[in-house]
Amino acid sequence: MNPEERREYLLNLLKNSSLPLTGTELGEKCNVSRQVIVQDIALLRVKGANILATPQGYIYMNPTPVGLSQRTLACQHTRDDIEDELETIVGLGGKVIDVIVEHPVYGEIKGMLMLSSQDDVKRFMHSLQTTGAAPLSYLTKGVHLHTIEVESDRQFEEIKKQLKIKGYLVE
């Protein structure tokens, strides 16, 4: 297939997948290298495709589904508390869409997380530990924002309440 056909195929794969797809997986499906996929994704984004790179792979972001809403929480804690914070949110049924920090030079820096289960949190923590990468919140003495997707106001309030009890919520 030519490059335009491949990009259209990639876009359809991503739109029809409920799970993130890695560059390697997409490359295998298209019989090209991961680097070609990275370039194709960049070109699709330039054309307006809402494709996000997450720690689990690429995902096409549809608008927030009907019945769900997204809210933002401000949090602060140490590296030792990351797993507990994330498990608290997903354990109460929230989906952690991202982490955002405000950098004094670069402004807003956002990392896509897309964590909706305890397994997702475990994989994220394993990746943090094995790569030796510093969490974004290191840039801001632990202060960060999370966009949380929830089904109801009550669910969001319960997440806030539990994070406050644990001392993670910045108010």
N, C-alpha and C. Protein backbone atom coordinates (compact mmCIF):
# COMPACT_ATOMS: atom_id res chain seq x y z
N MET A 1 0.84 -1.18 0.00
CA MET A 1 0.00 0.00 0.00
C MET A 1 0.88 1.24 0.00
N ASN A 2 0.40 2.30 -0.59
CA ASN A 2 1.18 3.54 -0.64
C ASN A 2 1.05 4.26 0.71
N PRO A 3 1.87 5.30 0.94
CA PRO A 3 1.85 5.98 2.25
C PRO A 3 0.48 6.54 2.65
N GLU A 4 -0.26 7.12 1.71
CA GLU A 4 -1.59 7.65 2.04
C GLU A 4 -2.54 6.54 2.46
N GLU A 5 -2.52 5.44 1.74
CA GLU A 5 -3.38 4.30 2.09
C GLU A 5 -2.99 3.74 3.46
N ARG A 6 -1.68 3.69 3.73
CA ARG A 6 -1.20 3.19 5.02
C ARG A 6 -1.68 4.08 6.16
N ARG A 7 -1.59 5.39 5.97
CA ARG A 7 -2.05 6.31 7.02
C ARG A 7 -3.56 6.18 7.25
N GLU A 8 -4.32 6.02 6.19
CA GLU A 8 -5.77 5.82 6.34
C GLU A 8 -6.05 4.51 7.08
N TYR A 9 -5.29 3.47 6.75
CA TYR A 9 -5.42 2.18 7.42
C TYR A 9 -5.08 2.32 8.91
N LEU A 10 -4.00 3.03 9.21
CA LEU A 10 -3.61 3.26 10.61
C LEU A 10 -4.71 3.99 11.38
N LEU A 11 -5.24 5.03 10.77
CA LEU A 11 -6.30 5.80 11.42
C LEU A 11 -7.51 4.91 11.71
N ASN A 12 -7.88 4.07 10.77
CA ASN A 12 -9.01 3.15 10.98
C ASN A 12 -8.71 2.13 12.08
N LEU A 13 -7.48 1.61 12.10
CA LEU A 13 -7.10 0.68 13.17
C LEU A 13 -7.25 1.34 14.53
N LEU A 14 -6.75 2.56 14.65
CA LEU A 14 -6.80 3.27 15.92
C LEU A 14 -8.23 3.63 16.31
N LYS A 15 -9.02 4.08 15.36
CA LYS A 15 -10.41 4.44 15.65
C LYS A 15 -11.23 3.24 16.10
N ASN A 16 -10.89 2.07 15.61
CA ASN A 16 -11.68 0.87 15.92
C ASN A 16 -11.10 0.04 17.06
N SER A 17 -10.04 0.51 17.68
CA SER A 17 -9.44 -0.22 18.79
C SER A 17 -9.85 0.39 20.12
N SER A 18 -10.27 -0.45 21.03
CA SER A 18 -10.60 0.04 22.37
C SER A 18 -9.36 0.09 23.26
N LEU A 19 -8.26 -0.49 22.78
CA LEU A 19 -7.01 -0.52 23.53
C LEU A 19 -5.93 0.24 22.76
N PRO A 20 -4.95 0.80 23.47
CA PRO A 20 -3.83 1.44 22.77
C PRO A 20 -3.06 0.42 21.94
N LEU A 21 -2.50 0.87 20.84
CA LEU A 21 -1.68 0.03 19.96
C LEU A 21 -0.28 0.62 19.90
N THR A 22 0.72 -0.21 20.10
CA THR A 22 2.11 0.29 20.08
C THR A 22 2.57 0.52 18.65
N GLY A 23 3.59 1.34 18.52
CA GLY A 23 4.18 1.59 17.21
C GLY A 23 4.69 0.30 16.58
N THR A 24 5.23 -0.58 17.40
CA THR A 24 5.72 -1.87 16.89
C THR A 24 4.58 -2.71 16.34
N GLU A 25 3.46 -2.78 17.09
CA GLU A 25 2.29 -3.54 16.62
C GLU A 25 1.77 -2.97 15.30
N LEU A 26 1.66 -1.66 15.24
CA LEU A 26 1.16 -1.03 14.02
C LEU A 26 2.12 -1.26 12.86
N GLY A 27 3.42 -1.18 13.14
CA GLY A 27 4.41 -1.44 12.11
C GLY A 27 4.29 -2.84 11.54
N GLU A 28 4.08 -3.82 12.43
CA GLU A 28 3.93 -5.21 11.98
C GLU A 28 2.69 -5.36 11.11
N LYS A 29 1.60 -4.69 11.48
CA LYS A 29 0.36 -4.78 10.70
C LYS A 29 0.52 -4.15 9.31
N CYS A 30 1.40 -3.15 9.23
CA CYS A 30 1.59 -2.43 7.96
C CYS A 30 2.85 -2.87 7.22
N ASN A 31 3.61 -3.77 7.84
CA ASN A 31 4.86 -4.26 7.25
C ASN A 31 5.87 -3.13 7.01
N VAL A 32 5.95 -2.23 8.02
CA VAL A 32 6.94 -1.15 8.00
C VAL A 32 7.56 -1.05 9.39
N SER A 33 8.58 -0.23 9.51
CA SER A 33 9.25 -0.08 10.80
C SER A 33 8.43 0.80 11.75
N ARG A 34 8.77 0.72 13.03
CA ARG A 34 8.13 1.56 14.04
C ARG A 34 8.38 3.03 13.72
N GLN A 35 9.57 3.36 13.20
CA GLN A 35 9.89 4.75 12.89
C GLN A 35 8.98 5.30 11.79
N VAL A 36 8.64 4.48 10.81
CA VAL A 36 7.70 4.90 9.77
C VAL A 36 6.34 5.20 10.40
N ILE A 37 5.94 4.37 11.36
CA ILE A 37 4.66 4.59 12.05
C ILE A 37 4.70 5.91 12.81
N VAL A 38 5.81 6.20 13.49
CA VAL A 38 5.95 7.46 14.23
C VAL A 38 5.76 8.64 13.27
N GLN A 39 6.36 8.57 12.10
CA GLN A 39 6.21 9.64 11.12
C GLN A 39 4.77 9.72 10.60
N ASP A 40 4.17 8.56 10.34
CA ASP A 40 2.78 8.54 9.87
C ASP A 40 1.84 9.15 10.91
N ILE A 41 2.04 8.80 12.18
CA ILE A 41 1.21 9.34 13.25
C ILE A 41 1.36 10.86 13.31
N ALA A 42 2.59 11.34 13.18
CA ALA A 42 2.83 12.79 13.19
C ALA A 42 2.07 13.46 12.05
N LEU A 43 2.09 12.88 10.86
CA LEU A 43 1.38 13.46 9.72
C LEU A 43 -0.14 13.40 9.92
N LEU A 44 -0.63 12.32 10.50
CA LEU A 44 -2.07 12.23 10.80
C LEU A 44 -2.48 13.31 11.80
N ARG A 45 -1.63 13.55 12.79
CA ARG A 45 -1.92 14.60 13.78
C ARG A 45 -1.96 15.98 13.13
N VAL A 46 -1.03 16.21 12.21
CA VAL A 46 -0.99 17.50 11.51
C VAL A 46 -2.30 17.73 10.76
N LYS A 47 -2.87 16.65 10.25
CA LYS A 47 -4.14 16.75 9.51
C LYS A 47 -5.35 16.80 10.45
N GLY A 48 -5.11 16.80 11.77
CA GLY A 48 -6.20 16.98 12.72
C GLY A 48 -6.67 15.72 13.43
N ALA A 49 -6.06 14.57 13.17
CA ALA A 49 -6.48 13.35 13.86
C ALA A 49 -6.11 13.46 15.34
N ASN A 50 -7.04 13.15 16.21
CA ASN A 50 -6.85 13.27 17.65
C ASN A 50 -6.23 11.97 18.19
N ILE A 51 -4.96 11.76 17.86
CA ILE A 51 -4.22 10.57 18.27
C ILE A 51 -3.28 10.96 19.39
N LEU A 52 -3.34 10.20 20.47
CA LEU A 52 -2.49 10.46 21.62
C LEU A 52 -1.48 9.34 21.79
N ALA A 53 -0.29 9.71 22.21
CA ALA A 53 0.73 8.73 22.57
C ALA A 53 0.65 8.54 24.07
N THR A 54 0.41 7.32 24.51
CA THR A 54 0.33 7.01 25.93
C THR A 54 1.44 6.02 26.26
N PRO A 55 1.69 5.76 27.53
CA PRO A 55 2.70 4.75 27.87
C PRO A 55 2.36 3.36 27.32
N GLN A 56 1.08 3.11 27.06
CA GLN A 56 0.66 1.81 26.54
C GLN A 56 0.66 1.75 25.01
N GLY A 57 0.78 2.88 24.34
CA GLY A 57 0.75 2.93 22.88
C GLY A 57 -0.12 4.08 22.40
N TYR A 58 -0.40 4.07 21.09
CA TYR A 58 -1.22 5.12 20.49
C TYR A 58 -2.70 4.79 20.67
N ILE A 59 -3.47 5.86 20.87
CA ILE A 59 -4.91 5.69 21.00
C ILE A 59 -5.60 6.88 20.31
N TYR A 60 -6.69 6.58 19.63
CA TYR A 60 -7.50 7.63 19.02
C TYR A 60 -8.48 8.12 20.07
N MET A 61 -8.48 9.41 20.31
CA MET A 61 -9.35 9.97 21.34
C MET A 61 -10.66 10.45 20.72
N ASN A 62 -11.71 9.71 21.01
CA ASN A 62 -13.05 10.16 20.65
C ASN A 62 -13.47 11.20 21.68
N PRO A 63 -14.46 12.01 21.37
CA PRO A 63 -14.97 12.91 22.40
C PRO A 63 -15.41 12.10 23.63
N THR A 64 -15.45 12.76 24.79
CA THR A 64 -15.87 12.09 26.01
C THR A 64 -17.24 11.45 25.78
N PRO A 65 -17.35 10.14 26.05
CA PRO A 65 -18.63 9.46 25.80
C PRO A 65 -19.77 10.09 26.60
N VAL A 66 -20.97 10.01 26.02
CA VAL A 66 -22.17 10.51 26.70
C VAL A 66 -22.29 9.79 28.03
N GLY A 67 -22.63 10.53 29.07
CA GLY A 67 -22.79 9.95 30.39
C GLY A 67 -21.53 10.02 31.23
N LEU A 68 -20.41 10.40 30.63
CA LEU A 68 -19.17 10.56 31.37
C LEU A 68 -18.77 12.03 31.35
N SER A 69 -18.03 12.43 32.36
CA SER A 69 -17.51 13.80 32.36
C SER A 69 -16.07 13.78 32.81
N GLN A 70 -15.34 14.81 32.46
CA GLN A 70 -13.95 14.93 32.86
C GLN A 70 -13.81 16.11 33.80
N ARG A 71 -13.08 15.89 34.88
CA ARG A 71 -12.81 16.90 35.89
C ARG A 71 -11.32 16.91 36.18
N THR A 72 -10.85 18.02 36.73
CA THR A 72 -9.43 18.16 37.05
C THR A 72 -9.24 18.26 38.55
N LEU A 73 -8.22 17.57 39.03
CA LEU A 73 -7.84 17.61 40.44
C LEU A 73 -6.40 18.09 40.56
N ALA A 74 -6.12 18.89 41.58
CA ALA A 74 -4.75 19.30 41.89
C ALA A 74 -4.27 18.44 43.05
N CYS A 75 -3.10 17.84 42.87
CA CYS A 75 -2.55 16.94 43.88
C CYS A 75 -1.09 17.28 44.17
N GLN A 76 -0.62 16.81 45.33
CA GLN A 76 0.79 16.93 45.67
C GLN A 76 1.15 15.78 46.61
N HIS A 77 2.24 15.11 46.28
CA HIS A 77 2.74 14.01 47.12
C HIS A 77 4.13 13.63 46.65
N THR A 78 4.73 12.67 47.34
CA THR A 78 6.06 12.19 46.99
C THR A 78 5.96 11.05 45.98
N ARG A 79 7.10 10.65 45.46
CA ARG A 79 7.14 9.52 44.52
C ARG A 79 6.58 8.25 45.18
N ASP A 80 6.83 8.10 46.47
CA ASP A 80 6.36 6.91 47.19
C ASP A 80 4.83 6.80 47.20
N ASP A 81 4.14 7.89 46.96
CA ASP A 81 2.68 7.89 47.02
C ASP A 81 1.99 7.83 45.66
N ILE A 82 2.76 7.80 44.59
CA ILE A 82 2.16 7.80 43.24
C ILE A 82 1.21 6.62 43.07
N GLU A 83 1.69 5.43 43.38
CA GLU A 83 0.87 4.24 43.16
C GLU A 83 -0.42 4.28 43.98
N ASP A 84 -0.31 4.69 45.24
CA ASP A 84 -1.50 4.77 46.09
C ASP A 84 -2.50 5.79 45.55
N GLU A 85 -2.00 6.95 45.11
CA GLU A 85 -2.89 7.97 44.55
C GLU A 85 -3.64 7.43 43.33
N LEU A 86 -2.91 6.83 42.39
CA LEU A 86 -3.53 6.33 41.17
C LEU A 86 -4.49 5.17 41.45
N GLU A 87 -4.09 4.27 42.36
CA GLU A 87 -4.96 3.15 42.71
C GLU A 87 -6.23 3.63 43.41
N THR A 88 -6.12 4.69 44.18
CA THR A 88 -7.30 5.26 44.84
C THR A 88 -8.30 5.74 43.78
N ILE A 89 -7.81 6.44 42.78
CA ILE A 89 -8.69 7.00 41.74
C ILE A 89 -9.34 5.88 40.93
N VAL A 90 -8.54 4.94 40.42
CA VAL A 90 -9.14 3.88 39.58
C VAL A 90 -9.95 2.91 40.42
N GLY A 91 -9.58 2.73 41.69
CA GLY A 91 -10.33 1.85 42.57
C GLY A 91 -11.73 2.36 42.84
N LEU A 92 -11.91 3.67 42.73
CA LEU A 92 -13.24 4.27 42.92
C LEU A 92 -13.96 4.49 41.58
N GLY A 93 -13.40 3.88 40.52
CA GLY A 93 -14.06 3.91 39.22
C GLY A 93 -13.68 5.06 38.31
N GLY A 94 -12.71 5.87 38.71
CA GLY A 94 -12.26 6.96 37.86
C GLY A 94 -11.23 6.48 36.85
N LYS A 95 -11.11 7.20 35.78
CA LYS A 95 -10.07 6.95 34.77
C LYS A 95 -9.11 8.13 34.81
N VAL A 96 -7.83 7.86 35.00
CA VAL A 96 -6.82 8.92 35.05
C VAL A 96 -6.37 9.17 33.61
N ILE A 97 -6.84 10.27 33.05
CA ILE A 97 -6.55 10.59 31.65
C ILE A 97 -5.10 11.06 31.48
N ASP A 98 -4.64 11.95 32.37
CA ASP A 98 -3.31 12.53 32.18
C ASP A 98 -2.73 13.03 33.49
N VAL A 99 -1.50 13.50 33.41
CA VAL A 99 -0.85 14.24 34.49
C VAL A 99 -0.31 15.51 33.85
N ILE A 100 -0.50 16.64 34.53
CA ILE A 100 -0.11 17.94 33.99
C ILE A 100 0.71 18.67 35.05
N VAL A 101 1.82 19.27 34.63
CA VAL A 101 2.59 20.13 35.52
C VAL A 101 2.80 21.48 34.83
N GLU A 102 3.01 22.50 35.64
CA GLU A 102 3.26 23.85 35.13
C GLU A 102 4.74 24.14 35.31
N HIS A 103 5.48 24.14 34.21
CA HIS A 103 6.92 24.36 34.22
C HIS A 103 7.23 25.85 34.06
N PRO A 104 8.21 26.38 34.82
CA PRO A 104 8.47 27.83 34.75
C PRO A 104 9.01 28.29 33.39
N VAL A 105 9.59 27.39 32.62
CA VAL A 105 10.14 27.77 31.31
C VAL A 105 9.22 27.32 30.17
N TYR A 106 8.78 26.08 30.23
CA TYR A 106 8.02 25.50 29.13
C TYR A 106 6.51 25.67 29.25
N GLY A 107 6.04 26.13 30.38
CA GLY A 107 4.59 26.23 30.59
C GLY A 107 4.01 24.87 30.90
N GLU A 108 2.82 24.61 30.42
CA GLU A 108 2.13 23.36 30.72
C GLU A 108 2.78 22.18 30.02
N ILE A 109 3.09 21.15 30.79
CA ILE A 109 3.60 19.89 30.24
C ILE A 109 2.61 18.81 30.63
N LYS A 110 2.13 18.06 29.64
CA LYS A 110 1.11 17.04 29.88
C LYS A 110 1.63 15.68 29.44
N GLY A 111 1.41 14.70 30.30
CA GLY A 111 1.73 13.32 29.96
C GLY A 111 0.44 12.51 29.97
N MET A 112 0.17 11.81 28.89
CA MET A 112 -1.04 11.01 28.79
C MET A 112 -0.84 9.71 29.56
N LEU A 113 -1.78 9.39 30.43
CA LEU A 113 -1.69 8.17 31.24
C LEU A 113 -2.72 7.12 30.82
N MET A 114 -3.99 7.52 30.73
CA MET A 114 -5.07 6.62 30.31
C MET A 114 -5.11 5.36 31.19
N LEU A 115 -5.17 5.56 32.50
CA LEU A 115 -5.19 4.46 33.46
C LEU A 115 -6.61 4.26 33.97
N SER A 116 -7.15 3.06 33.79
CA SER A 116 -8.53 2.81 34.23
C SER A 116 -8.67 1.56 35.08
N SER A 117 -7.56 0.90 35.40
CA SER A 117 -7.64 -0.32 36.21
C SER A 117 -6.39 -0.45 37.07
N GLN A 118 -6.47 -1.34 38.05
CA GLN A 118 -5.32 -1.61 38.91
C GLN A 118 -4.17 -2.17 38.06
N ASP A 119 -4.48 -2.98 37.05
CA ASP A 119 -3.44 -3.52 36.18
C ASP A 119 -2.73 -2.41 35.41
N ASP A 120 -3.50 -1.42 34.93
CA ASP A 120 -2.89 -0.28 34.24
C ASP A 120 -1.92 0.45 35.17
N VAL A 121 -2.32 0.64 36.43
CA VAL A 121 -1.47 1.33 37.40
C VAL A 121 -0.20 0.51 37.64
N LYS A 122 -0.33 -0.80 37.79
CA LYS A 122 0.83 -1.67 38.02
C LYS A 122 1.81 -1.57 36.84
N ARG A 123 1.29 -1.60 35.61
CA ARG A 123 2.16 -1.50 34.43
C ARG A 123 2.86 -0.14 34.39
N PHE A 124 2.12 0.92 34.72
CA PHE A 124 2.71 2.26 34.74
C PHE A 124 3.83 2.33 35.78
N MET A 125 3.57 1.82 36.97
CA MET A 125 4.58 1.86 38.03
C MET A 125 5.79 1.02 37.65
N HIS A 126 5.56 -0.13 37.03
CA HIS A 126 6.66 -0.98 36.58
C HIS A 126 7.53 -0.23 35.56
N SER A 127 6.87 0.48 34.66
CA SER A 127 7.59 1.26 33.65
C SER A 127 8.41 2.37 34.31
N LEU A 128 7.84 3.06 35.29
CA LEU A 128 8.57 4.10 36.01
C LEU A 128 9.82 3.51 36.68
N GLN A 129 9.65 2.35 37.30
CA GLN A 129 10.75 1.73 38.03
C GLN A 129 11.82 1.18 37.11
N THR A 130 11.43 0.51 36.04
CA THR A 130 12.42 -0.14 35.18
C THR A 130 13.16 0.84 34.27
N THR A 131 12.52 1.94 33.91
CA THR A 131 13.20 2.91 33.04
C THR A 131 14.05 3.89 33.84
N GLY A 132 13.74 4.04 35.12
CA GLY A 132 14.44 5.03 35.93
C GLY A 132 13.99 6.46 35.62
N ALA A 133 12.93 6.59 34.84
CA ALA A 133 12.42 7.92 34.49
C ALA A 133 11.85 8.61 35.72
N ALA A 134 12.03 9.90 35.79
CA ALA A 134 11.45 10.68 36.88
C ALA A 134 10.01 11.05 36.52
N PRO A 135 9.10 11.00 37.47
CA PRO A 135 7.74 11.44 37.19
C PRO A 135 7.72 12.94 36.90
N LEU A 136 6.76 13.39 36.10
CA LEU A 136 6.66 14.82 35.78
C LEU A 136 6.57 15.67 37.03
N SER A 137 5.93 15.16 38.07
CA SER A 137 5.75 15.95 39.29
C SER A 137 7.07 16.28 39.97
N TYR A 138 8.16 15.63 39.58
CA TYR A 138 9.48 15.99 40.12
C TYR A 138 9.85 17.42 39.73
N LEU A 139 9.32 17.88 38.61
CA LEU A 139 9.64 19.22 38.13
C LEU A 139 8.98 20.31 38.97
N THR A 140 7.99 19.93 39.78
CA THR A 140 7.18 20.92 40.49
C THR A 140 7.01 20.57 41.97
N LYS A 141 8.03 19.93 42.54
CA LYS A 141 8.00 19.55 43.96
C LYS A 141 6.74 18.77 44.33
N GLY A 142 6.32 17.90 43.41
CA GLY A 142 5.19 17.02 43.67
C GLY A 142 3.83 17.56 43.28
N VAL A 143 3.74 18.85 42.95
CA VAL A 143 2.45 19.43 42.58
C VAL A 143 2.13 19.08 41.12
N HIS A 144 0.91 18.61 40.92
CA HIS A 144 0.48 18.23 39.57
C HIS A 144 -1.03 18.19 39.49
N LEU A 145 -1.53 18.17 38.28
CA LEU A 145 -2.96 18.04 38.01
C LEU A 145 -3.23 16.69 37.36
N HIS A 146 -4.43 16.17 37.58
CA HIS A 146 -4.90 15.00 36.85
C HIS A 146 -6.25 15.33 36.26
N THR A 147 -6.45 14.96 35.01
CA THR A 147 -7.78 14.97 34.42
C THR A 147 -8.36 13.59 34.71
N ILE A 148 -9.53 13.57 35.33
CA ILE A 148 -10.18 12.34 35.73
C ILE A 148 -11.50 12.21 34.99
N GLU A 149 -11.75 11.05 34.42
CA GLU A 149 -13.03 10.79 33.77
C GLU A 149 -13.90 9.97 34.73
N VAL A 150 -15.12 10.44 34.95
CA VAL A 150 -16.03 9.79 35.90
C VAL A 150 -17.43 9.68 35.31
N GLU A 151 -18.24 8.83 35.94
CA GLU A 151 -19.62 8.64 35.51
C GLU A 151 -20.59 9.61 36.17
N SER A 152 -20.21 10.14 37.35
CA SER A 152 -21.18 10.97 38.08
C SER A 152 -20.46 11.97 38.99
N ASP A 153 -21.20 13.00 39.38
CA ASP A 153 -20.68 13.97 40.35
C ASP A 153 -20.37 13.28 41.67
N ARG A 154 -21.22 12.35 42.06
CA ARG A 154 -21.02 11.63 43.32
C ARG A 154 -19.70 10.84 43.30
N GLN A 155 -19.42 10.20 42.19
CA GLN A 155 -18.17 9.44 42.06
C GLN A 155 -16.97 10.38 42.16
N PHE A 156 -17.04 11.52 41.50
CA PHE A 156 -15.94 12.49 41.55
C PHE A 156 -15.74 13.00 42.98
N GLU A 157 -16.83 13.30 43.66
CA GLU A 157 -16.73 13.80 45.04
C GLU A 157 -16.12 12.75 45.97
N GLU A 158 -16.43 11.48 45.75
CA GLU A 158 -15.84 10.41 46.57
C GLU A 158 -14.34 10.30 46.31
N ILE A 159 -13.93 10.43 45.06
CA ILE A 159 -12.50 10.41 44.74
C ILE A 159 -11.80 11.58 45.43
N LYS A 160 -12.39 12.77 45.33
CA LYS A 160 -11.82 13.95 46.01
C LYS A 160 -11.71 13.72 47.51
N LYS A 161 -12.76 13.19 48.09
CA LYS A 161 -12.79 12.96 49.54
C LYS A 161 -11.66 12.02 49.96
N GLN A 162 -11.48 10.92 49.24
CA GLN A 162 -10.45 9.95 49.60
C GLN A 162 -9.04 10.51 49.41
N LEU A 163 -8.85 11.28 48.35
CA LEU A 163 -7.53 11.90 48.13
C LEU A 163 -7.23 12.93 49.21
N LYS A 164 -8.27 13.63 49.65
CA LYS A 164 -8.09 14.61 50.73
C LYS A 164 -7.72 13.90 52.04
N ILE A 165 -8.43 12.82 52.36
CA ILE A 165 -8.13 12.06 53.56
C ILE A 165 -6.68 11.58 53.56
N LYS A 166 -6.18 11.19 52.40
CA LYS A 166 -4.82 10.67 52.28
C LYS A 166 -3.77 11.80 52.23
N GLY A 167 -4.24 13.04 52.15
CA GLY A 167 -3.33 14.17 52.13
C GLY A 167 -2.74 14.49 50.77
N TYR A 168 -3.35 13.99 49.70
CA TYR A 168 -2.83 14.21 48.36
C TYR A 168 -3.47 15.40 47.65
N LEU A 169 -4.63 15.82 48.09
CA LEU A 169 -5.37 16.86 47.40
C LEU A 169 -4.87 18.25 47.78
N VAL A 170 -4.64 19.08 46.78
CA VAL A 170 -4.29 20.48 46.99
C VAL A 170 -5.57 21.28 46.83
N GLU A 171 -5.88 22.10 47.85
CA GLU A 171 -7.12 22.89 47.76
C GLU A 171 -6.83 24.36 47.82
